Amino acid sequence: MAENVDPRRRRIRSVGGAGLALGALAVGVATDVGPVPLSRQRVRIAVPPDRAYEVLTAFDQGVRVLERHEQTVIAEFPVQVGWYRTTTRERITLDPSRRRLVFEQLRPPFFTVRTARETFELAETAEGGTEVTLTGLLWPTLGIFGWLVTRLVVRPRWDRIDAAFLERTRRAAPIGPDP
């Protein structure tokens, strides 16, 4: 047998439930949950670190350099993930010792990412080549919602973009004696 519920009580419950849902959403969006780490990636390049550094700082293949200073470069990089194409703007800090590059996002490619930082470390291998290690962090927007989208959707794509970049760098490194 159906119980008759006062329509006013039903309306109060509906409004109260909707208010709680909106409040939870607002708290989830407003909460800063911290960065999402990128996967650590490594590639070995058959050239000394100085030559590998030159390849990493050549900024070719569609890169548009906007400013270049002694230890800083501002550049725009084309990004393509499937059908999605965009351009990022990044500040690259150049290490005088030529063993590190730090990329800081000024305009990220994905709406859930507020900013990102990627660090390329170059180390000489026993064979005289270079091991390039890439680490990074993505700082999401939109609270827990943005963190989840960044962690589950954006990070795997970002990792693939980085892996492709490292592979292009490995292939582009000239092998042989210095010219």
Protein backbone atom coordinates (compact mmCIF):
# COMPACT_ATOMS: atom_id res chain seq x y z
CA MET A 1 0.00 0.00 0.00
CA ALA A 2 1.43 3.39 -1.00
CA GLU A 3 1.88 5.87 1.79
CA ASN A 4 0.63 9.39 1.17
CA VAL A 5 3.43 11.90 1.69
CA ASP A 6 2.70 15.55 2.14
CA PRO A 7 3.67 17.35 -1.14
CA ARG A 8 5.43 20.08 0.86
CA ARG A 9 7.65 17.49 2.59
CA ARG A 10 8.44 15.90 -0.78
CA ARG A 11 9.42 19.31 -2.19
CA ILE A 12 11.57 20.09 0.87
CA ARG A 13 13.34 16.73 0.52
CA SER A 14 13.94 17.32 -3.21
CA VAL A 15 15.29 20.82 -2.67
CA GLY A 16 17.40 19.69 0.28
CA GLY A 17 18.83 16.74 -1.67
CA ALA A 18 19.63 18.94 -4.66
CA GLY A 19 21.25 21.50 -2.33
CA LEU A 20 23.42 18.80 -0.75
CA ALA A 21 24.46 17.50 -4.18
CA LEU A 22 25.35 20.99 -5.39
CA GLY A 23 27.20 21.72 -2.16
CA ALA A 24 29.22 18.51 -2.48
CA LEU A 25 30.03 19.37 -6.09
CA ALA A 26 31.11 22.89 -5.11
CA VAL A 27 33.34 21.57 -2.34
CA GLY A 28 34.83 18.96 -4.71
CA VAL A 29 35.55 21.58 -7.37
CA ALA A 30 36.98 24.09 -4.89
CA THR A 31 39.23 21.62 -3.08
CA ASP A 32 42.91 21.67 -4.06
CA VAL A 33 44.00 18.05 -4.06
CA GLY A 34 47.62 18.44 -5.16
CA PRO A 35 49.58 17.57 -8.30
CA VAL A 36 49.39 14.47 -10.47
CA PRO A 37 52.85 12.97 -11.12
CA LEU A 38 53.77 11.96 -14.64
CA SER A 39 55.36 8.58 -15.25
CA ARG A 40 59.17 8.63 -15.04
CA GLN A 41 60.53 7.94 -18.51
CA ARG A 42 64.06 7.23 -19.70
CA VAL A 43 65.75 6.99 -23.06
CA ARG A 44 69.36 6.25 -23.96
CA ILE A 45 70.92 8.30 -26.72
CA ALA A 46 74.16 7.21 -28.42
CA VAL A 47 75.81 10.66 -28.18
CA PRO A 48 77.57 12.50 -25.34
CA PRO A 49 75.43 14.69 -23.04
CA ASP A 50 76.50 17.95 -24.71
CA ARG A 51 75.28 16.71 -28.11
CA ALA A 52 72.05 15.35 -26.57
CA TYR A 53 71.50 18.74 -24.93
CA GLU A 54 71.92 20.45 -28.32
CA VAL A 55 69.28 18.15 -29.83
CA LEU A 56 66.87 18.82 -26.95
CA THR A 57 67.33 22.59 -27.26
CA ALA A 58 67.15 22.77 -31.07
CA PHE A 59 63.38 23.40 -30.82
CA ASP A 60 62.58 22.33 -34.36
CA GLN A 61 59.66 20.34 -35.86
CA GLY A 62 56.99 23.02 -35.67
CA VAL A 63 58.18 24.74 -32.50
CA ARG A 64 57.81 28.51 -32.57
CA VAL A 65 60.39 30.30 -30.40
CA LEU A 66 58.91 33.56 -29.09
CA GLU A 67 61.80 34.71 -26.89
CA ARG A 68 65.33 33.43 -26.39
CA HIS A 69 67.64 34.55 -23.61
CA GLU A 70 70.84 33.09 -22.24
CA GLN A 71 69.12 30.75 -19.76
CA THR A 72 65.44 30.96 -20.77
CA VAL A 73 63.38 30.27 -23.87
CA ILE A 74 59.66 30.96 -24.34
CA ALA A 75 58.24 28.75 -27.08
CA GLU A 76 55.01 27.34 -28.45
CA PHE A 77 54.81 23.62 -29.12
CA PRO A 78 52.22 21.91 -31.34
CA VAL A 79 50.44 19.02 -29.59
CA GLN A 80 48.26 16.37 -31.18
CA VAL A 81 46.39 13.63 -29.36
CA GLY A 82 44.20 11.74 -31.81
CA TRP A 83 41.94 14.31 -33.47
CA TYR A 84 42.68 16.93 -30.78
CA ARG A 85 45.24 19.54 -31.82
CA THR A 86 46.42 22.50 -29.81
CA THR A 87 49.48 24.56 -28.98
CA THR A 88 51.15 24.90 -25.61
CA ARG A 89 53.26 27.83 -24.48
CA GLU A 90 56.20 26.97 -22.25
CA ARG A 91 59.08 28.60 -20.43
CA ILE A 92 62.19 26.46 -20.75
CA THR A 93 64.96 27.02 -18.23
CA LEU A 94 68.37 26.14 -19.67
CA ASP A 95 71.03 24.81 -17.32
CA PRO A 96 74.49 26.38 -17.79
CA SER A 97 76.06 22.96 -17.09
CA ARG A 98 73.94 21.49 -19.95
CA ARG A 99 72.62 18.63 -17.81
CA ARG A 100 69.03 19.76 -17.15
CA LEU A 101 66.07 21.38 -18.89
CA VAL A 102 62.93 22.47 -17.04
CA PHE A 103 59.72 23.08 -19.00
CA GLU A 104 57.02 25.11 -17.24
CA GLN A 105 53.59 25.36 -18.84
CA LEU A 106 52.35 28.88 -19.41
CA ARG A 107 49.40 27.64 -21.51
CA PRO A 108 48.57 23.96 -20.97
CA PRO A 109 46.92 21.82 -23.66
CA PHE A 110 44.10 20.38 -21.50
CA PHE A 111 41.35 22.28 -19.64
CA THR A 112 41.79 20.34 -16.39
CA VAL A 113 45.48 21.27 -16.11
CA ARG A 114 46.30 24.65 -14.56
CA THR A 115 50.06 24.27 -15.02
CA ALA A 116 52.72 21.60 -15.40
CA ARG A 117 56.45 21.20 -14.93
CA GLU A 118 58.62 18.66 -16.71
CA THR A 119 62.30 18.14 -15.98
CA PHE A 120 64.77 16.48 -18.35
CA GLU A 121 67.95 15.26 -16.62
CA LEU A 122 70.93 14.24 -18.76
CA ALA A 123 73.53 11.81 -17.42
CA GLU A 124 76.51 10.29 -19.19
CA THR A 125 76.43 6.51 -19.53
CA ALA A 126 79.41 4.16 -19.17
CA GLU A 127 79.41 3.71 -22.95
CA GLY A 128 79.82 7.45 -23.55
CA GLY A 129 76.19 8.02 -24.49
CA THR A 130 73.50 9.87 -22.58
CA GLU A 131 70.56 8.74 -20.50
CA VAL A 132 67.74 11.29 -20.52
CA THR A 133 65.30 10.98 -17.62
CA LEU A 134 61.99 12.81 -17.74
CA THR A 135 59.91 13.49 -14.64
CA GLY A 136 57.04 15.90 -14.15
CA LEU A 137 53.98 17.09 -12.28
CA LEU A 138 50.59 18.27 -13.49
CA TRP A 139 48.64 20.71 -11.30
CA PRO A 140 44.94 20.24 -12.05
CA THR A 141 42.10 22.75 -11.88
CA LEU A 142 38.50 22.02 -10.83
CA GLY A 143 39.28 20.29 -7.51
CA ILE A 144 38.72 16.57 -7.14
CA PHE A 145 36.85 16.41 -10.46
CA GLY A 146 39.80 17.96 -12.30
CA TRP A 147 42.26 15.77 -10.40
CA LEU A 148 40.37 12.61 -11.40
CA VAL A 149 40.12 13.64 -15.07
CA THR A 150 43.79 14.65 -15.07
CA ARG A 151 44.89 11.42 -13.40
CA LEU A 152 42.72 9.02 -15.40
CA VAL A 153 42.41 10.70 -18.82
CA VAL A 154 45.05 13.41 -19.27
CA ARG A 155 48.10 11.76 -17.66
CA PRO A 156 48.14 8.67 -19.94
CA ARG A 157 47.92 10.92 -23.00
CA TRP A 158 50.59 13.28 -21.65
CA ASP A 159 52.86 10.29 -20.99
CA ARG A 160 52.40 9.14 -24.62
CA ILE A 161 53.22 12.63 -25.92
CA ASP A 162 56.40 12.64 -23.79
CA ALA A 163 57.36 9.12 -24.90
CA ALA A 164 56.98 10.14 -28.56
CA PHE A 165 59.08 13.27 -27.94
CA LEU A 166 61.85 11.22 -26.30
CA GLU A 167 61.81 8.75 -29.18
CA ARG A 168 62.03 11.58 -31.75
CA THR A 169 64.94 13.02 -29.75
CA ARG A 170 66.72 9.65 -29.72
CA ARG A 171 66.30 9.30 -33.50
CA ALA A 172 67.34 12.91 -34.18
CA ALA A 173 70.62 12.65 -32.24
CA PRO A 174 73.47 12.64 -34.75
CA ILE A 175 75.74 9.65 -34.34
CA GLY A 176 79.41 9.92 -35.12
CA PRO A 177 82.25 12.37 -34.47
CA ASP A 178 81.63 16.04 -33.84
CA PRO A 179 81.49 18.05 -37.08
